[in-house]
C-alpha atoms as a PDB file:
ATOM      1  CA  MET A   1      97.671 112.702  65.538  1.00  0.00           C
ATOM      2  CA  GLY A   2      94.410 110.990  64.599  1.00  0.00           C
ATOM      3  CA  GLN A   3      91.866 109.776  67.133  1.00  0.00           C
ATOM      4  CA  ASP A   4      92.953 106.144  66.617  1.00  0.00           C
ATOM      5  CA  ASP A   5      96.555 107.123  67.400  1.00  0.00           C
ATOM      6  CA  ALA A   6      95.715 109.275  70.421  1.00  0.00           C
ATOM      7  CA  TYR A   7      97.078 108.546  73.821  1.00  0.00           C
ATOM      8  CA  ALA A   8      94.679 107.614  76.559  1.00  0.00           C
ATOM      9  CA  VAL A   9      94.816 108.043  80.313  1.00  0.00           C
ATOM     10  CA  VAL A  10      92.947 105.871  82.803  1.00  0.00           C
ATOM     11  CA  LEU A  11      92.398 106.711  86.474  1.00  0.00           C
ATOM     12  CA  TYR A  12      90.949 104.198  88.906  1.00  0.00           C
ATOM     13  CA  TYR A  13      91.042 102.887  92.421  1.00  0.00           C
ATOM     14  CA  LYS A  14      89.372 100.167  94.401  1.00  0.00           C
ATOM     15  CA  TYR A  15      89.411  99.195  98.026  1.00  0.00           C
ATOM     16  CA  VAL A  16      89.608  95.412  97.927  1.00  0.00           C
ATOM     17  CA  ARG A  17      91.744  92.894  99.762  1.00  0.00           C
ATOM     18  CA  LEU A  18      94.424  92.212  97.124  1.00  0.00           C
ATOM     19  CA  CYS A  19      96.503  89.725  99.097  1.00  0.00           C
ATOM     20  CA  GLU A  20      96.777  88.244 102.554  1.00  0.00           C
ATOM     21  CA  THR A  21     100.465  88.860 103.224  1.00  0.00           C
ATOM     22  CA  PRO A  22     103.074  91.494 102.352  1.00  0.00           C
ATOM     23  CA  GLU A  23     105.026  88.817 100.468  1.00  0.00           C
ATOM     24  CA  GLU A  24     102.015  88.023  98.277  1.00  0.00           C
ATOM     25  CA  LEU A  25     101.552  91.754  97.671  1.00  0.00           C
ATOM     26  CA  GLU A  26     105.179  92.122  96.530  1.00  0.00           C
ATOM     27  CA  ALA A  27     104.660  89.249  94.066  1.00  0.00           C
ATOM     28  CA  PHE A  28     101.414  90.878  92.877  1.00  0.00           C
ATOM     29  CA  ALA A  29     103.314  94.144  92.327  1.00  0.00           C
ATOM     30  CA  VAL A  30     105.998  92.429  90.235  1.00  0.00           C
ATOM     31  CA  ALA A  31     103.350  90.718  88.081  1.00  0.00           C
ATOM     32  CA  HIS A  32     101.403  93.965  87.710  1.00  0.00           C
ATOM     33  CA  GLU A  33     104.496  95.878  86.653  1.00  0.00           C
ATOM     34  CA  GLN A  34     105.220  93.172  84.052  1.00  0.00           C
ATOM     35  CA  LEU A  35     101.650  93.481  82.750  1.00  0.00           C
ATOM     36  CA  CYS A  36     101.908  97.268  82.439  1.00  0.00           C
ATOM     37  CA  SER A  37     105.364  97.072  80.836  1.00  0.00           C
ATOM     38  CA  SER A  38     104.185  94.489  78.310  1.00  0.00           C
ATOM     39  CA  LEU A  39     101.455  96.939  77.253  1.00  0.00           C
ATOM     40  CA  HIS A  40     103.939  99.867  77.129  1.00  0.00           C
ATOM     41  CA  LEU A  41     101.956 101.766  79.758  1.00  0.00           C
ATOM     42  CA  THR A  42     103.441 104.573  81.811  1.00  0.00           C
ATOM     43  CA  GLY A  43     102.181 106.252  84.956  1.00  0.00           C
ATOM     44  CA  ARG A  44     101.748 105.254  88.573  1.00  0.00           C
ATOM     45  CA  VAL A  45     100.112 102.322  90.343  1.00  0.00           C
ATOM     46  CA  ARG A  46      99.963 102.192  94.135  1.00  0.00           C
ATOM     47  CA  LEU A  47      99.283  98.803  95.710  1.00  0.00           C
ATOM     48  CA  ALA A  48      98.469  98.043  99.329  1.00  0.00           C
ATOM     49  CA  LEU A  49      96.857  95.120 101.097  1.00  0.00           C
ATOM     50  CA  GLU A  50      93.710  97.287 101.109  1.00  0.00           C
ATOM     51  CA  GLY A  51      93.530  97.817  97.315  1.00  0.00           C
ATOM     52  CA  ILE A  52      94.838  99.492  94.174  1.00  0.00           C
ATOM     53  CA  ASN A  53      95.063 103.088  92.916  1.00  0.00           C
ATOM     54  CA  GLY A  54      96.348 103.825  89.442  1.00  0.00           C
ATOM     55  CA  THR A  55      96.848 106.507  86.829  1.00  0.00           C
ATOM     56  CA  LEU A  56      98.209 105.019  83.613  1.00  0.00           C
ATOM     57  CA  GLY A  57      98.724 106.224  80.073  1.00  0.00           C
ATOM     58  CA  GLY A  58      99.518 104.694  76.728  1.00  0.00           C
ATOM     59  CA  SER A  59      97.992 104.266  73.314  1.00  0.00           C
ATOM     60  CA  SER A  60      94.210 104.114  73.323  1.00  0.00           C
ATOM     61  CA  SER A  61      94.306 100.451  72.329  1.00  0.00           C
ATOM     62  CA  THR A  62      96.760  99.381  75.045  1.00  0.00           C
ATOM     63  CA  VAL A  63      94.873 101.268  77.756  1.00  0.00           C
ATOM     64  CA  GLN A  64      91.702  99.525  76.601  1.00  0.00           C
ATOM     65  CA  SER A  65      93.513  96.163  76.659  1.00  0.00           C
ATOM     66  CA  TYR A  66      94.627  96.857  80.231  1.00  0.00           C
ATOM     67  CA  ILE A  67      91.082  97.704  81.337  1.00  0.00           C
ATOM     68  CA  GLU A  68      89.679  94.589  79.648  1.00  0.00           C
ATOM     69  CA  PHE A  69      92.317  92.377  81.285  1.00  0.00           C
ATOM     70  CA  MET A  70      91.650  93.886  84.706  1.00  0.00           C
ATOM     71  CA  GLN A  71      87.878  93.525  84.334  1.00  0.00           C
ATOM     72  CA  GLN A  72      88.351  89.784  83.806  1.00  0.00           C
ATOM     73  CA  GLN A  73      89.822  89.524  87.317  1.00  0.00           C
ATOM     74  CA  PRO A  74      87.056  88.896  89.892  1.00  0.00           C
ATOM     75  CA  GLN A  75      88.238  91.614  92.264  1.00  0.00           C
ATOM     76  CA  PHE A  76      88.285  94.303  89.546  1.00  0.00           C
ATOM     77  CA  PHE A  77      85.139  93.625  87.481  1.00  0.00           C
ATOM     78  CA  ASP A  78      83.281  96.591  89.004  1.00  0.00           C
ATOM     79  CA  VAL A  79      85.997  99.259  89.028  1.00  0.00           C
ATOM     80  CA  ASP A  80      84.820 102.713  87.915  1.00  0.00           C
ATOM     81  CA  TRP A  81      87.384 103.407  85.165  1.00  0.00           C
ATOM     82  CA  LYS A  82      87.843 107.102  84.263  1.00  0.00           C
ATOM     83  CA  THR A  83      89.392 107.523  80.827  1.00  0.00           C
ATOM     84  CA  SER A  84      90.396 110.558  78.806  1.00  0.00           C
ATOM     85  CA  GLN A  85      92.336 111.258  75.622  1.00  0.00           C
ATOM     86  CA  SER A  86      95.619 113.109  75.180  1.00  0.00           C
ATOM     87  CA  ASP A  87      97.596 114.258  72.151  1.00  0.00           C
ATOM     88  CA  VAL A  88     100.873 113.812  74.023  1.00  0.00           C
ATOM     89  CA  GLU A  89     102.353 110.944  75.972  1.00  0.00           C
ATOM     90  CA  PRO A  90     101.097 111.712  79.478  1.00  0.00           C
ATOM     91  CA  PHE A  91     103.766 110.171  81.744  1.00  0.00           C
ATOM     92  CA  PRO A  92     107.538 109.739  81.380  1.00  0.00           C
ATOM     93  CA  GLU A  93     107.849 106.367  83.132  1.00  0.00           C
ATOM     94  CA  LEU A  94     106.079 103.534  84.914  1.00  0.00           C
ATOM     95  CA  GLN A  95     106.080 103.229  88.702  1.00  0.00           C
ATOM     96  CA  VAL A  96     104.370 100.310  90.439  1.00  0.00           C
ATOM     97  CA  ARG A  97     104.879 100.645  94.183  1.00  0.00           C
ATOM     98  CA  VAL A  98     103.748  98.855  97.303  1.00  0.00           C
ATOM     99  CA  VAL A  99     102.572 101.447  99.824  1.00  0.00           C
ATOM    100  CA  GLY A 100     100.897 101.468 103.212  1.00  0.00           C
ATOM    101  CA  GLU A 101      97.675 103.040 101.898  1.00  0.00           C
ATOM    102  CA  ILE A 102      96.329 103.526  98.365  1.00  0.00           C
ATOM    103  CA  VAL A 103      94.937 106.928  99.386  1.00  0.00           C
ATOM    104  CA  ALA A 104      96.778 108.590 102.250  1.00  0.00           C
ATOM    105  CA  LEU A 105      94.164 108.698 105.013  1.00  0.00           C
ATOM    106  CA  GLU A 106      96.836 108.462 107.697  1.00  0.00           C
ATOM    107  CA  LEU A 107      94.709 106.048 109.751  1.00  0.00           C
ATOM    108  CA  PRO A 108      95.873 102.846 111.443  1.00  0.00           C
ATOM    109  CA  ASP A 109      94.876  99.614 109.682  1.00  0.00           C
ATOM    110  CA  ASP A 110      92.293  98.743 112.320  1.00  0.00           C
ATOM    111  CA  ALA A 111      90.569 102.152 112.085  1.00  0.00           C
ATOM    112  CA  TYR A 112      88.413 101.313 109.095  1.00  0.00           C
ATOM    113  CA  ASP A 113      86.403  98.432 107.750  1.00  0.00           C
ATOM    114  CA  LEU A 114      86.318  97.950 103.965  1.00  0.00           C
ATOM    115  CA  SER A 115      82.868  96.372 104.207  1.00  0.00           C
ATOM    116  CA  LEU A 116      81.384  99.662 105.472  1.00  0.00           C
ATOM    117  CA  ARG A 117      81.572 101.591 102.240  1.00  0.00           C
ATOM    118  CA  GLY A 118      79.068 104.025 100.879  1.00  0.00           C
ATOM    119  CA  GLN A 119      77.013 103.509  97.773  1.00  0.00           C
ATOM    120  CA  HIS A 120      78.612 104.668  94.518  1.00  0.00           C
ATOM    121  CA  LEU A 121      76.204 106.831  92.516  1.00  0.00           C
ATOM    122  CA  THR A 122      76.179 107.565  88.809  1.00  0.00           C
ATOM    123  CA  PRO A 123      76.193 111.293  87.962  1.00  0.00           C
ATOM    124  CA  GLU A 124      72.465 111.026  87.245  1.00  0.00           C
ATOM    125  CA  GLN A 125      71.764 109.361  90.598  1.00  0.00           C
ATOM    126  CA  PHE A 126      73.917 111.926  92.395  1.00  0.00           C
ATOM    127  CA  ARG A 127      72.002 114.816  90.799  1.00  0.00           C
ATOM    128  CA  SER A 128      68.672 113.136  91.539  1.00  0.00           C
ATOM    129  CA  GLU A 129      69.655 112.785  95.207  1.00  0.00           C
ATOM    130  CA  GLN A 130      70.435 116.498  95.319  1.00  0.00           C
ATOM    131  CA  LEU A 131      67.267 117.649  93.567  1.00  0.00           C
ATOM    132  CA  GLY A 132      64.863 115.185  95.165  1.00  0.00           C
ATOM    133  CA  THR A 133      65.859 115.883  98.751  1.00  0.00           C
ATOM    134  CA  ASP A 134      65.312 118.793 101.126  1.00  0.00           C
ATOM    135  CA  PRO A 135      68.699 120.577 101.190  1.00  0.00           C
ATOM    136  CA  GLU A 136      68.582 120.761 104.992  1.00  0.00           C
ATOM    137  CA  SER A 137      68.274 116.972 105.289  1.00  0.00           C
ATOM    138  CA  PHE A 138      71.623 116.068 103.719  1.00  0.00           C
ATOM    139  CA  ALA A 139      75.252 117.150 103.828  1.00  0.00           C
ATOM    140  CA  LEU A 140      77.062 117.642 100.527  1.00  0.00           C
ATOM    141  CA  ILE A 141      80.819 117.345 101.053  1.00  0.00           C
ATOM    142  CA  ASP A 142      83.500 118.229  98.498  1.00  0.00           C
ATOM    143  CA  VAL A 143      86.371 115.997  99.628  1.00  0.00           C
ATOM    144  CA  ARG A 144      88.926 117.640  97.331  1.00  0.00           C
ATOM    145  CA  ASN A 145      91.534 120.024  98.684  1.00  0.00           C
ATOM    146  CA  THR A 146      90.854 123.730  99.230  1.00  0.00           C
ATOM    147  CA  TYR A 147      92.515 124.760  95.956  1.00  0.00           C
ATOM    148  CA  GLU A 148      90.271 122.420  93.939  1.00  0.00           C
ATOM    149  CA  PHE A 149      87.209 123.529  95.928  1.00  0.00           C
ATOM    150  CA  ASN A 150      87.986 127.164  95.064  1.00  0.00           C
ATOM    151  CA  VAL A 151      88.300 126.316  91.367  1.00  0.00           C
ATOM    152  CA  GLY A 152      84.670 125.179  91.417  1.00  0.00           C
ATOM    153  CA  HIS A 153      82.164 123.253  93.493  1.00  0.00           C
ATOM    154  CA  PHE A 154      78.478 122.403  93.745  1.00  0.00           C
ATOM    155  CA  ALA A 155      76.255 125.029  95.362  1.00  0.00           C
ATOM    156  CA  GLY A 156      75.856 124.287  99.047  1.00  0.00           C
ATOM    157  CA  ALA A 157      78.880 121.987  99.228  1.00  0.00           C
ATOM    158  CA  LEU A 158      80.827 121.899 102.465  1.00  0.00           C
ATOM    159  CA  ASN A 159      84.550 122.657 102.222  1.00  0.00           C
ATOM    160  CA  PRO A 160      86.647 120.617 104.685  1.00  0.00           C
ATOM    161  CA  LYS A 161      89.521 123.057 103.980  1.00  0.00           C
ATOM    162  CA  THR A 162      92.154 120.375 103.614  1.00  0.00           C
ATOM    163  CA  ARG A 163      95.519 120.600 101.889  1.00  0.00           C
ATOM    164  CA  ARG A 164      95.884 116.818 101.631  1.00  0.00           C
ATOM    165  CA  PHE A 165      93.392 113.980 101.911  1.00  0.00           C
ATOM    166  CA  GLY A 166      94.976 112.666 105.099  1.00  0.00           C
ATOM    167  CA  GLN A 167      93.433 115.675 106.886  1.00  0.00           C
ATOM    168  CA  PHE A 168      89.888 114.637 105.940  1.00  0.00           C
ATOM    169  CA  PRO A 169      89.342 112.089 108.770  1.00  0.00           C
ATOM    170  CA  GLN A 170      90.002 114.788 111.386  1.00  0.00           C
ATOM    171  CA  TRP A 171      87.486 117.089 109.698  1.00  0.00           C
ATOM    172  CA  VAL A 172      84.914 114.281 109.837  1.00  0.00           C
ATOM    173  CA  ARG A 173      85.618 113.754 113.547  1.00  0.00           C
ATOM    174  CA  ASP A 174      85.236 117.497 114.180  1.00  0.00           C
ATOM    175  CA  GLU A 175      81.984 117.723 112.198  1.00  0.00           C
ATOM    176  CA  LEU A 176      80.486 114.400 113.286  1.00  0.00           C
ATOM    177  CA  PRO A 177      77.747 115.950 115.482  1.00  0.00           C
ATOM    178  CA  MET A 178      76.475 117.982 112.506  1.00  0.00           C
ATOM    179  CA  LEU A 179      76.792 115.053 110.080  1.00  0.00           C
ATOM    180  CA  GLN A 180      74.883 112.713 112.402  1.00  0.00           C
ATOM    181  CA  GLN A 181      71.902 115.078 112.289  1.00  0.00           C
ATOM    182  CA  LYS A 182      71.572 114.600 108.528  1.00  0.00           C
ATOM    183  CA  ASP A 183      69.476 111.913 106.854  1.00  0.00           C
ATOM    184  CA  LYS A 184      72.250 111.289 104.325  1.00  0.00           C
ATOM    185  CA  VAL A 185      75.709 112.421 103.354  1.00  0.00           C
ATOM    186  CA  LEU A 186      76.724 112.912  99.720  1.00  0.00           C
ATOM    187  CA  MET A 187      80.422 113.228  98.903  1.00  0.00           C
ATOM    188  CA  TYR A 188      82.304 113.883  95.689  1.00  0.00           C
ATOM    189  CA  CYS A 189      85.858 114.414  94.542  1.00  0.00           C
END
């Protein structure tokens, strides 16, 4: 299969208020599934009032068309799209589902405020923060699960020792005294 014919995969998520009511979210899900189907995309999209989380695959051109369409929507113009190529069709079917959370944090809705997000760093900025700062003055947290941490991690990274992401908030609560002593916290997944 030539590069022009290759399949592509896109991963993305964004915490953004998609809709005001569950009924509006259901309608958004139907429209989004129609969009993905019209582009012959397969994979999974999770939708919640708090945002969107997707992993989709298709031909390189249809994945690019999807990204371009989404970027034209005001709430998605700044999504950090992660794309890769594949020689095989990556997913057997399309699933667009309304869920309680786009990433399972297992927190009640009133436990977090979407306006209190951290600053997204480019890889270059992330590395600069690591190199230009006294290692004792910041915490570097690998928020992936223990298996992924053991596969490889940055030197000095803290391992929350989680099996699923929903366990991460408890680790933060347990380690909050240590984290509050740091000038900054860097996290990666």
